[in-house]
Structures are given as structure tokens and as C-alpha cells.
Amino acid sequence: MEATTKQGERGQALITIAIALLVLLLFAGLAIDVGQMYTQRRHMQNAADAGALAGARELCLGHTETQAVAAANDYAGPRNGAPQVQSVVNGNIVVVTATVPVTSFFAQLIGITTTPVHAIAKAACGEATSGCGIFPIAFDLDVYNNIPCGSYFYVWANDNSDIDDSLCQNCDCSEAFLGRSVIAPGNRGWLRFSPPDSPYPATCGSNCGASALACWIENDWPGKVDIGQCVPGNPGVKASDLKAVDDYRIGDTVRILLWDPDQPAGACTESNTVGDCPGTGYQVQGFGCVTIIEVNNKLTLNKLPDAPDPKYKCPKNDKVILVYKPCSCPLTECGSTGGASVPPAGVGAVSLVD
């Protein structure tokens, strides 16, 4: 009787062990299926991200919504492996949904053969909150914004003349200005960039002087600048720097920094300043662009016969750069955006957004 009881207990134990092993195998199988789903979801997220960014970039390049959707589908699908892609444009935002049907292994035992795995990404062509490829000059934000896009204006290159509202009241501006606006010495500053950090190329020298400025004028500063950061600069520019503008940049549309001359004292600190060159800190408030038309080293304005101020000194042989303010600026490829729409004559950037 005792032997029979012990044999029965051993038989029950084997059944319990077998059931436990079966449950463990089912959990292990489900874990494998779930792991496969998570892996595929990561792939789909990468595909959706790539598609959304590609579509938003098309919008920033001024292309149509149809072209943006086509680029989004291409980058999410054939280029990054999403078998099912749906892309839509909502204003300045491209939304991409990438889907893959994941085949189950062990879940088939409970009737689940495939599971669709989705990933969604949104990317915006928006106003840049950071940018790179900067022409080394900063403009007064308000003055720049008050100049209508589609118009020409002079950028005074040196500081030898007092350029103010009384200029054309005392001097004959009719031939030289033809209704053009002016960015005077107090409304602009030439920037002193140090070589940027990796991975951006250190194209020019690090002496913070005229030779480095001329080099950045020729090549643009390739590093990244964020709104709120400060860039050292100074008011004047040397003849060699203007020659670099004349030799290399005529006809180019260049990105510029915008700053507020009334920035609060202490706005620029060592921690938020780009590089280590000396000079006045220009705190970045935004980004704009101009097309460089010509350099004039001998702009002279004659005194009006009925000038209200007989002692007013009209510019003589002044150095100016004639520029054009386009209504659309080139995209900054390595910049970022918070998603706000790009204003006229503002710089666009592409970023993933929530």
C-alpha cells in the first residue's frame, strides 16, 4: 500500500512538472514574439522618422505638398524598409505612419498569426531655433524686420559716417538710394568666430582677426548657433574683408544672425558665448538672409543746397554693401525648429516634433 502511494505521488509530480514546463515554454515563446514586435517597431520608427524629415525638407525647399508626400513615402518605404506607409501634410508638418505585419511564432498556438506594428513620426519645416552656415555679420532684428522683403538696402561697412534719419534730409540720396533703406553701423556688427567644434570643419584660422573674418566671409561659418547664444564681434571691417565679399560672394544669398541692440546687460556670459574670440557679444534672437549685390568702396553723397543742417557731413568715399532681402531664405540643413511657421525672410529648419 505504501509503495502504491509513493508511485502515485511521483506520477502527480511528473504531471505538475510537465504543465509547468509547458507554461514556461509558452511564456518564453510569447517573450520571443513580443521581442520581435519591439524590434520591428524600432525599425518602423526609424523609417517613419526618415520619411517625415524628408517630407518636411521638401516643404522647406519650397516644393509642393505632393512632392513632400512622395519624398516621405520614398524614404519611409523603399529606402528604409517600411512595407506600408501613409503620409499626410498638415500645414508645415508632415505626418508619416509606417506599418509592418509581424508574423507570430508561438502566438499562433492561440490563433494569432500576424500582428500589425505601427510607428508614427511628425516633422516640421519651421522657423529655425538654431542654424549653421552663417555669414559673419549680425543685423538689428527690428531694423531687419522693418525692411520689406523684396527690397534693396545698403549695409554700411565702416564707421566713418553718422548714418541717421537726417541723412537724406541733408544729402542728395536720390541717385544712390532710389528709395533703399540703410542698416547703419549701430545696427550691424561683424562677427568674430572661432573654429567650430567637431564634427563641423575648421576651415579658417583661429586668430580672431581680419584674415579669419575674410575666410569666414568667403566660406560661411559652418558651426551651429542657437537662439540665446552670443557671438563676439566688433563694429568695423577692414578693406581686406570687403575685398573677400567682392571677390567671392557677389550674387550669393547668405544666412545672417539677428540681434537686439537693447539686449540687457549681462546677457552674454562666458558660458553662452560661441568660441573664445574677444569682442562685444551679440546675443542671437533669430536668423535672416540677404542676397549680396555689390560692394561700393566710394559711395559719396552731395550736400543738398537747402540742407537744414549746414554743418552736416555727407558720406564721402564710404564703404557700403548693396544687398537684397528675399522673401524666402535658404534652409539651414543642420539647424532645428520648435515647429513655428517660417516667417517671410526667415530661415527654415527641419526637426521632428511632438
Protein backbone atom coordinates (compact mmCIF):
# COMPACT_ATOMS: atom_id res chain seq x y z
CA MET A 1 0.00 0.00 0.00
CA GLU A 2 2.80 2.39 0.84
CA ALA A 3 4.60 1.60 -2.44
CA THR A 4 1.46 2.31 -4.43
CA THR A 5 1.02 5.68 -2.71
CA LYS A 6 4.61 6.73 -3.44
CA GLN A 7 4.26 5.74 -7.11
CA GLY A 8 1.08 7.85 -7.33
CA GLU A 9 2.82 10.85 -5.81
CA ARG A 10 5.67 10.50 -8.31
CA GLY A 11 3.17 10.37 -11.15
CA GLN A 12 1.46 13.56 -9.93
CA ALA A 13 4.81 15.31 -9.66
CA LEU A 14 5.65 14.45 -13.28
CA ILE A 15 2.33 15.86 -14.44
CA THR A 16 2.92 19.07 -12.44
CA ILE A 17 6.43 19.43 -13.87
CA ALA A 18 5.14 18.84 -17.41
CA ILE A 19 2.45 21.52 -17.01
CA ALA A 20 4.98 23.95 -15.52
CA LEU A 21 7.38 23.35 -18.42
CA LEU A 22 4.57 23.91 -20.91
CA VAL A 23 3.64 27.21 -19.23
CA LEU A 24 7.29 28.30 -19.20
CA LEU A 25 7.64 27.45 -22.88
CA LEU A 26 4.51 29.45 -23.69
CA PHE A 27 5.84 32.47 -21.76
CA ALA A 28 9.22 32.11 -23.47
CA GLY A 29 7.51 31.92 -26.85
CA LEU A 30 5.40 34.97 -26.12
CA ALA A 31 8.53 36.81 -24.99
CA ILE A 32 10.18 35.97 -28.31
CA ASP A 33 7.11 37.20 -30.21
CA VAL A 34 6.96 40.41 -28.17
CA GLY A 35 10.69 40.95 -28.64
CA GLN A 36 10.24 40.51 -32.38
CA MET A 37 7.44 43.10 -32.33
CA TYR A 38 9.57 45.63 -30.41
CA THR A 39 12.45 45.12 -32.84
CA GLN A 40 10.21 45.71 -35.83
CA ARG A 41 8.66 48.73 -34.15
CA ARG A 42 12.10 50.31 -33.78
CA HIS A 43 12.69 49.69 -37.47
CA MET A 44 9.34 51.26 -38.32
CA GLN A 45 10.08 54.26 -36.07
CA ASN A 46 13.37 54.83 -37.88
CA ALA A 47 11.56 54.57 -41.21
CA ALA A 48 8.79 56.94 -40.14
CA ASP A 49 11.32 59.45 -38.78
CA ALA A 50 13.28 59.38 -42.03
CA GLY A 51 10.14 59.81 -44.09
CA ALA A 52 8.78 62.69 -42.02
CA LEU A 53 12.11 64.56 -42.12
CA ALA A 54 12.43 64.04 -45.88
CA GLY A 55 8.91 65.34 -46.45
CA ALA A 56 9.39 68.38 -44.21
CA ARG A 57 12.64 69.18 -46.02
CA GLU A 58 10.74 69.30 -49.31
CA LEU A 59 8.38 71.87 -47.79
CA CYS A 60 11.37 73.95 -46.63
CA LEU A 61 12.78 73.85 -50.15
CA GLY A 62 9.56 75.41 -51.41
CA HIS A 63 8.23 72.27 -53.08
CA THR A 64 4.59 71.22 -53.21
CA GLU A 65 2.70 69.06 -50.73
CA THR A 66 2.51 66.35 -53.39
CA GLN A 67 6.31 66.33 -53.64
CA ALA A 68 6.59 66.28 -49.85
CA VAL A 69 4.31 63.23 -49.61
CA ALA A 70 6.23 61.47 -52.39
CA ALA A 71 9.55 62.07 -50.62
CA ALA A 72 8.13 60.92 -47.28
CA ASN A 73 6.77 57.70 -48.81
CA ASP A 74 10.06 57.03 -50.60
CA TYR A 75 12.25 57.49 -47.53
CA ALA A 76 9.99 55.58 -45.18
CA GLY A 77 9.24 52.80 -47.67
CA PRO A 78 11.82 51.72 -50.26
CA ARG A 79 14.76 53.45 -48.60
CA ASN A 80 14.10 52.30 -45.03
CA GLY A 81 12.04 49.16 -45.39
CA ALA A 82 8.51 50.03 -44.25
CA PRO A 83 6.13 47.82 -46.30
CA GLN A 84 3.12 50.07 -45.63
CA VAL A 85 3.39 53.87 -45.47
CA GLN A 86 0.82 56.61 -45.09
CA SER A 87 1.99 60.24 -45.31
CA VAL A 88 -0.04 63.43 -44.95
CA VAL A 89 0.83 67.13 -44.86
CA ASN A 90 -0.83 69.28 -42.22
CA GLY A 91 0.28 72.88 -42.75
CA ASN A 92 4.03 72.93 -42.20
CA ILE A 93 4.07 69.47 -40.60
CA VAL A 94 4.47 66.09 -42.31
CA VAL A 95 2.98 63.08 -40.51
CA VAL A 96 4.16 59.59 -41.51
CA THR A 97 2.75 56.27 -40.32
CA ALA A 98 4.89 53.22 -41.07
CA THR A 99 3.40 49.74 -40.62
CA VAL A 100 4.75 46.22 -40.85
CA PRO A 101 2.80 42.95 -40.30
CA VAL A 102 4.84 40.85 -37.85
CA THR A 103 4.44 37.06 -38.16
CA SER A 104 3.94 35.32 -34.85
CA PHE A 105 5.74 32.11 -33.93
CA PHE A 106 4.39 30.82 -30.65
CA ALA A 107 1.32 33.08 -30.57
CA GLN A 108 -0.02 31.01 -33.47
CA LEU A 109 -0.81 28.36 -30.88
CA ILE A 110 -3.55 30.66 -29.57
CA GLY A 111 -4.71 31.72 -33.04
CA ILE A 112 -2.65 34.90 -33.58
CA THR A 113 -0.77 34.57 -36.88
CA THR A 114 0.27 38.18 -37.62
CA THR A 115 0.22 41.44 -35.70
CA PRO A 116 0.42 44.89 -37.40
CA VAL A 117 3.08 47.09 -35.80
CA HIS A 118 2.78 50.85 -36.32
CA ALA A 119 5.09 53.82 -35.76
CA ILE A 120 4.18 57.48 -36.24
CA ALA A 121 6.54 60.43 -36.77
CA LYS A 122 5.90 64.15 -37.20
CA ALA A 123 8.43 66.59 -38.65
CA ALA A 124 8.09 70.31 -39.20
CA CYS A 125 9.51 72.76 -41.66
CA GLY A 126 9.59 75.60 -39.15
CA GLU A 127 11.32 78.77 -38.11
CA ALA A 128 14.90 77.95 -37.15
CA THR A 129 15.79 77.98 -33.47
CA SER A 130 19.35 77.05 -34.35
CA GLY A 131 21.31 77.22 -37.56
CA CYS A 132 24.65 76.78 -39.26
CA GLY A 133 26.39 78.09 -42.36
CA ILE A 134 26.38 81.69 -41.13
CA PHE A 135 27.75 84.72 -42.95
CA PRO A 136 29.74 86.57 -40.24
CA ILE A 137 27.51 89.58 -39.70
CA ALA A 138 24.67 90.40 -37.30
CA PHE A 139 21.80 92.77 -38.07
CA ASP A 140 19.48 94.65 -35.74
CA LEU A 141 16.39 92.43 -35.52
CA ASP A 142 13.86 95.30 -35.62
CA VAL A 143 15.59 97.15 -38.44
CA TYR A 144 15.80 93.96 -40.50
CA ASN A 145 12.14 93.11 -39.88
CA ASN A 146 11.05 96.65 -40.83
CA ILE A 147 12.70 96.41 -44.25
CA PRO A 148 10.13 94.86 -46.62
CA CYS A 149 11.17 91.64 -48.28
CA GLY A 150 11.75 92.07 -51.99
CA SER A 151 13.64 95.34 -51.47
CA TYR A 152 17.25 96.53 -51.59
CA PHE A 153 19.22 98.25 -48.85
CA TYR A 154 22.73 99.38 -48.02
CA VAL A 155 24.80 97.86 -45.25
CA TRP A 156 27.30 100.47 -44.08
CA ALA A 157 30.63 98.65 -43.80
CA ASN A 158 32.69 101.19 -41.88
CA ASP A 159 32.02 103.62 -39.04
CA ASN A 160 33.26 106.89 -40.53
CA SER A 161 29.86 108.49 -41.05
CA ASP A 162 26.89 109.20 -38.80
CA ILE A 163 24.04 107.48 -40.57
CA ASP A 164 20.71 108.56 -39.09
CA ASP A 165 17.27 109.77 -40.12
CA SER A 166 18.67 113.16 -41.14
CA LEU A 167 20.98 111.66 -43.79
CA CYS A 168 18.68 112.17 -46.76
CA GLN A 169 17.35 115.44 -45.37
CA ASN A 170 20.81 116.97 -45.71
CA CYS A 171 22.37 114.89 -48.50
CA ASP A 172 21.23 114.08 -52.02
CA CYS A 173 20.23 110.42 -51.74
CA SER A 174 18.13 110.31 -54.91
CA GLU A 175 20.69 108.81 -57.26
CA ALA A 176 22.43 106.45 -54.82
CA PHE A 177 19.48 105.27 -52.74
CA LEU A 178 16.49 105.18 -55.07
CA GLY A 179 14.29 104.54 -52.04
CA ARG A 180 16.62 101.99 -50.50
CA SER A 181 16.87 101.52 -46.77
CA VAL A 182 20.03 101.54 -44.67
CA ILE A 183 21.49 99.33 -41.98
CA ALA A 184 23.82 101.74 -40.25
CA PRO A 185 26.94 100.97 -38.17
CA GLY A 186 24.94 100.92 -34.95
CA ASN A 187 22.55 98.38 -36.43
CA ARG A 188 25.06 95.76 -37.52
CA GLY A 189 28.24 94.12 -36.30
CA TRP A 190 30.92 91.98 -37.91
CA LEU A 191 31.33 88.69 -36.07
CA ARG A 192 34.47 87.05 -34.73
CA PHE A 193 34.05 83.32 -34.99
CA SER A 194 36.46 80.77 -33.58
CA PRO A 195 36.87 77.44 -35.39
CA PRO A 196 33.76 75.34 -34.64
CA ASP A 197 33.77 72.15 -32.64
CA SER A 198 33.65 68.72 -34.28
CA PRO A 199 32.02 67.50 -36.49
CA TYR A 200 32.00 70.85 -38.30
CA PRO A 201 35.09 71.63 -40.41
CA ALA A 202 37.57 74.15 -39.01
CA THR A 203 38.03 75.83 -42.38
CA CYS A 204 39.63 79.06 -41.21
CA GLY A 205 42.25 80.15 -38.71
CA SER A 206 41.73 80.96 -35.08
CA ASN A 207 43.43 84.35 -34.76
CA CYS A 208 40.08 86.22 -34.44
CA GLY A 209 41.43 88.93 -36.74
CA ALA A 210 40.84 90.25 -40.23
CA SER A 211 42.27 87.21 -42.01
CA ALA A 212 39.94 84.84 -40.16
CA LEU A 213 36.96 87.15 -40.81
CA ALA A 214 37.81 87.29 -44.52
CA CYS A 215 37.95 83.50 -44.57
CA TRP A 216 34.57 83.15 -42.86
CA ILE A 217 33.16 85.73 -45.29
CA GLU A 218 34.33 83.54 -48.16
CA ASN A 219 33.20 80.21 -46.70
CA ASP A 220 30.48 80.98 -44.09
CA TRP A 221 30.95 79.77 -40.55
CA PRO A 222 29.93 76.07 -40.62
CA GLY A 223 29.20 75.55 -36.91
CA LYS A 224 25.85 75.57 -35.14
CA VAL A 225 24.46 78.61 -33.31
CA ASP A 226 21.39 78.52 -31.06
CA ILE A 227 18.99 81.36 -30.33
CA GLY A 228 20.06 82.83 -27.00
CA GLN A 229 23.75 82.21 -27.58
CA CYS A 230 26.17 85.11 -28.06
CA VAL A 231 28.76 85.62 -30.77
CA PRO A 232 31.67 88.06 -30.26
CA GLY A 233 32.03 90.85 -32.78
CA ASN A 234 33.08 94.40 -33.45
CA PRO A 235 31.58 97.34 -35.38
CA GLY A 236 34.16 97.87 -38.14
CA VAL A 237 35.55 95.84 -41.01
CA LYS A 238 38.84 96.12 -42.91
CA ALA A 239 39.32 96.65 -46.64
CA SER A 240 40.63 93.09 -46.99
CA ASP A 241 37.33 91.78 -45.62
CA LEU A 242 35.29 93.83 -48.08
CA LYS A 243 37.51 92.52 -50.86
CA ALA A 244 36.57 88.99 -49.78
CA VAL A 245 32.89 89.95 -50.11
CA ASP A 246 33.53 91.43 -53.57
CA ASP A 247 35.71 88.54 -54.76
CA TYR A 248 33.67 85.58 -53.53
CA ARG A 249 30.11 86.39 -52.51
CA ILE A 250 28.50 88.60 -55.16
CA GLY A 251 25.18 87.03 -56.10
CA ASP A 252 25.11 84.68 -53.09
CA THR A 253 22.19 84.52 -50.69
CA VAL A 254 23.69 84.23 -47.21
CA ARG A 255 22.21 83.46 -43.79
CA ILE A 256 22.78 86.11 -41.12
CA LEU A 257 22.22 86.42 -37.38
CA LEU A 258 19.69 88.86 -35.92
CA TRP A 259 20.21 90.50 -32.54
CA ASP A 260 18.67 93.17 -30.33
CA PRO A 261 20.96 96.18 -29.69
CA ASP A 262 18.96 96.78 -26.49
CA GLN A 263 19.80 93.36 -25.08
CA PRO A 264 20.01 93.52 -21.27
CA ALA A 265 23.35 94.00 -19.56
CA GLY A 266 24.92 90.68 -18.72
CA ALA A 267 23.01 88.81 -21.44
CA CYS A 268 26.29 87.44 -22.78
CA THR A 269 28.37 85.33 -20.45
CA GLU A 270 31.31 83.02 -20.91
CA SER A 271 29.02 80.01 -20.75
CA ASN A 272 26.67 81.11 -23.55
CA THR A 273 29.27 82.65 -25.87
CA VAL A 274 30.33 80.82 -29.03
CA GLY A 275 34.10 80.43 -29.17
CA ASP A 276 36.70 82.43 -27.33
CA CYS A 277 37.36 85.47 -29.53
CA PRO A 278 37.27 88.89 -27.83
CA GLY A 279 34.67 91.49 -28.68
CA THR A 280 31.17 92.72 -27.99
CA GLY A 281 28.68 89.90 -27.53
CA TYR A 282 25.80 89.82 -29.98
CA GLN A 283 23.02 87.67 -28.49
CA VAL A 284 21.17 85.79 -31.23
CA GLN A 285 17.43 86.48 -31.44
CA GLY A 286 16.79 84.91 -34.84
CA PHE A 287 18.04 84.21 -38.36
CA GLY A 288 17.58 86.01 -41.65
CA CYS A 289 19.17 86.25 -45.06
CA VAL A 290 20.26 88.69 -47.77
CA THR A 291 21.50 88.40 -51.33
CA ILE A 292 24.75 90.29 -51.87
CA ILE A 293 24.51 92.53 -54.95
CA GLU A 294 27.65 94.67 -54.97
CA VAL A 295 30.37 96.31 -52.90
CA ASN A 296 30.85 100.06 -53.27
CA ASN A 297 34.06 101.43 -51.75
CA LYS A 298 33.45 105.04 -52.79
CA LEU A 299 29.86 105.95 -52.04
CA THR A 300 29.66 109.76 -51.99
CA LEU A 301 26.56 111.83 -51.35
CA ASN A 302 26.47 115.54 -52.22
CA LYS A 303 25.12 118.15 -49.84
CA LEU A 304 21.65 119.45 -50.67
CA PRO A 305 21.58 123.19 -51.42
CA ASP A 306 18.80 123.69 -48.90
CA ALA A 307 20.17 121.33 -46.24
CA PRO A 308 18.61 122.16 -42.86
CA ASP A 309 21.90 121.44 -41.09
CA PRO A 310 24.74 123.34 -42.79
CA LYS A 311 27.33 121.51 -40.66
CA TYR A 312 26.08 118.02 -41.56
CA LYS A 313 28.83 115.91 -43.13
CA CYS A 314 27.59 113.84 -46.02
CA PRO A 315 29.29 110.49 -46.66
CA LYS A 316 32.35 110.69 -48.84
CA ASN A 317 34.09 107.62 -50.25
CA ASP A 318 32.25 105.44 -47.76
CA LYS A 319 32.27 101.66 -47.96
CA VAL A 320 28.87 100.02 -48.35
CA ILE A 321 27.44 96.70 -49.46
CA LEU A 322 24.26 96.72 -51.51
CA VAL A 323 22.07 93.74 -50.60
CA TYR A 324 18.62 92.44 -51.45
CA LYS A 325 16.19 91.00 -48.90
CA PRO A 326 14.45 87.97 -50.44
CA CYS A 327 11.09 86.78 -49.18
CA SER A 328 12.38 83.22 -48.84
CA CYS A 329 15.70 82.21 -47.26
CA PRO A 330 17.75 79.08 -47.88
CA LEU A 331 17.16 76.19 -45.49
CA THR A 332 19.73 75.66 -42.75
CA GLU A 333 20.47 71.96 -43.12
CA CYS A 334 21.87 71.29 -39.64
CA GLY A 335 19.54 73.57 -37.73
CA SER A 336 16.48 72.77 -35.64
CA THR A 337 13.00 74.16 -35.13
CA GLY A 338 10.31 74.22 -32.50
CA GLY A 339 7.66 73.93 -35.21
CA ALA A 340 6.51 77.56 -35.61
CA SER A 341 5.88 78.53 -39.23
CA VAL A 342 8.70 80.21 -41.11
CA PRO A 343 8.01 83.97 -41.43
CA PRO A 344 8.78 85.87 -44.65
CA ALA A 345 12.55 86.34 -45.00
CA GLY A 346 13.03 83.93 -42.08
CA VAL A 347 15.25 80.86 -42.12
CA GLY A 348 13.66 77.44 -42.06
CA ALA A 349 14.92 74.27 -40.41
CA VAL A 350 13.63 70.70 -40.19
CA SER A 351 13.10 68.79 -36.94
CA LEU A 352 10.99 66.00 -35.53
CA VAL A 353 8.23 67.46 -33.35
CA ASP A 354 5.66 66.07 -30.94
